[in-house]
Structures are given as C-alpha cells and as structure tokens.
C-alpha atoms as a PDB file:
ATOM      1  CA  MET A   1     114.466 161.050  88.937  1.00  0.00           C
ATOM      2  CA  PHE A   2     115.204 160.224  92.558  1.00  0.00           C
ATOM      3  CA  VAL A   3     114.425 162.732  95.317  1.00  0.00           C
ATOM      4  CA  ILE A   4     116.329 161.934  98.506  1.00  0.00           C
ATOM      5  CA  ALA A   5     117.480 163.366 101.809  1.00  0.00           C
ATOM      6  CA  ASP A   6     119.963 162.008 104.297  1.00  0.00           C
ATOM      7  CA  LEU A   7     118.529 159.520 106.754  1.00  0.00           C
ATOM      8  CA  LYS A   8     118.696 161.818 109.805  1.00  0.00           C
ATOM      9  CA  THR A   9     116.758 164.506 107.932  1.00  0.00           C
ATOM     10  CA  LEU A  10     114.105 162.040 106.818  1.00  0.00           C
ATOM     11  CA  ILE A  11     113.643 160.740 110.339  1.00  0.00           C
ATOM     12  CA  LYS A  12     113.353 164.291 111.651  1.00  0.00           C
ATOM     13  CA  ARG A  13     110.745 165.117 108.989  1.00  0.00           C
ATOM     14  CA  LYS A  14     108.692 162.013 109.728  1.00  0.00           C
ATOM     15  CA  GLY A  15     108.666 162.662 113.444  1.00  0.00           C
ATOM     16  CA  ARG A  16     106.517 160.193 115.305  1.00  0.00           C
ATOM     17  CA  GLU A  17     104.704 158.752 112.290  1.00  0.00           C
ATOM     18  CA  LEU A  18     104.457 154.976 112.336  1.00  0.00           C
ATOM     19  CA  THR A  19     106.371 154.742 109.063  1.00  0.00           C
ATOM     20  CA  ALA A  20     109.424 156.436 110.616  1.00  0.00           C
ATOM     21  CA  ARG A  21     110.500 153.089 112.079  1.00  0.00           C
ATOM     22  CA  THR A  22     110.908 151.599 108.606  1.00  0.00           C
ATOM     23  CA  LEU A  23     112.876 154.535 107.201  1.00  0.00           C
ATOM     24  CA  PRO A  24     116.370 153.033 107.582  1.00  0.00           C
ATOM     25  CA  ARG A  25     115.376 149.951 105.583  1.00  0.00           C
ATOM     26  CA  GLN A  26     113.488 151.986 102.980  1.00  0.00           C
ATOM     27  CA  TRP A  27     116.407 154.403 102.621  1.00  0.00           C
ATOM     28  CA  VAL A  28     118.838 151.580 101.844  1.00  0.00           C
ATOM     29  CA  ILE A  29     116.468 149.904  99.381  1.00  0.00           C
ATOM     30  CA  TYR A  30     115.556 153.095  97.514  1.00  0.00           C
ATOM     31  CA  ASN A  31     119.184 154.191  97.281  1.00  0.00           C
ATOM     32  CA  ALA A  32     120.175 150.787  95.899  1.00  0.00           C
ATOM     33  CA  LEU A  33     117.363 150.906  93.334  1.00  0.00           C
ATOM     34  CA  ALA A  34     118.256 154.427  92.248  1.00  0.00           C
ATOM     35  CA  LYS A  35     121.881 153.443  91.838  1.00  0.00           C
ATOM     36  CA  SER A  36     121.112 150.273  89.887  1.00  0.00           C
ATOM     37  CA  LEU A  37     118.702 152.187  87.622  1.00  0.00           C
ATOM     38  CA  ASN A  38     121.258 154.992  87.216  1.00  0.00           C
ATOM     39  CA  LEU A  39     118.711 157.633  88.201  1.00  0.00           C
ATOM     40  CA  ALA A  40     119.588 161.289  88.512  1.00  0.00           C
ATOM     41  CA  SER A  41     119.003 162.464  92.053  1.00  0.00           C
ATOM     42  CA  VAL A  42     118.079 165.612  93.915  1.00  0.00           C
ATOM     43  CA  ASP A  43     119.206 165.816  97.537  1.00  0.00           C
ATOM     44  CA  THR A  44     116.746 167.810  99.631  1.00  0.00           C
ATOM     45  CA  SER A  45     118.556 167.374 102.959  1.00  0.00           C
ATOM     46  CA  SER A  46     119.444 171.025 103.473  1.00  0.00           C
ATOM     47  CA  SER A  47     116.977 172.708 101.145  1.00  0.00           C
ATOM     48  CA  THR A  48     113.681 174.440 101.677  1.00  0.00           C
ATOM     49  CA  PRO A  49     110.744 173.020  99.717  1.00  0.00           C
ATOM     50  CA  ILE A  50     111.068 175.824  97.144  1.00  0.00           C
ATOM     51  CA  GLN A  51     114.818 175.241  96.754  1.00  0.00           C
ATOM     52  CA  SER A  52     114.185 171.528  96.336  1.00  0.00           C
ATOM     53  CA  LEU A  53     111.578 172.189  93.662  1.00  0.00           C
ATOM     54  CA  ILE A  54     114.002 174.449  91.776  1.00  0.00           C
ATOM     55  CA  LYS A  55     116.689 171.741  91.932  1.00  0.00           C
ATOM     56  CA  LEU A  56     114.212 169.163  90.653  1.00  0.00           C
ATOM     57  CA  ILE A  57     113.085 171.336  87.744  1.00  0.00           C
ATOM     58  CA  LYS A  58     116.702 172.027  86.767  1.00  0.00           C
ATOM     59  CA  GLU A  59     117.530 168.312  86.829  1.00  0.00           C
ATOM     60  CA  LEU A  60     114.458 167.487  84.766  1.00  0.00           C
ATOM     61  CA  ASN A  61     115.422 170.111  82.187  1.00  0.00           C
ATOM     62  CA  ILE A  62     118.961 168.689  81.997  1.00  0.00           C
ATOM     63  CA  ALA A  63     117.621 165.163  81.574  1.00  0.00           C
ATOM     64  CA  LYS A  64     115.201 166.350  78.870  1.00  0.00           C
ATOM     65  CA  GLN A  65     118.019 168.044  76.943  1.00  0.00           C
ATOM     66  CA  ASN A  66     120.133 164.876  77.029  1.00  0.00           C
ATOM     67  CA  HIS A  67     117.470 162.785  75.276  1.00  0.00           C
END
C-alpha cells in the first residue's frame, strides 16, 4: 500500500522542516517505486486525517479480498 499526496500538499505539510528540501526527489523516487511494484495507493492530498484513514482501510480490505 502506498500513501501519497501531491507534492505541493506535502511541502505545505512539512513546512520549514529540514527534510522539506528533499521532498521533490523523494516524491519522484517513491512514486516510481510504487508504480514498479504495482502498489495500490491512497491519495491524501485533499483529505482530513480521518478521511485518509477510512480510504486506507477500504483499500486494505479490497486488497485482502483479492488474495
């Protein structure tokens, strides 16, 4: 399972943390890995934490049913 947000949202969430500078590179790498591993993803860009959790649980239940 891959939990992601768009790059602008991630940068906004990180604020002035030192790791925010490396976000563009990390975002590209993690997206490429998720794609190559064919991972299901949950986009949290426009969701509250609770909404994101609900999305994640639903995706996990779908993945569990498919096995």
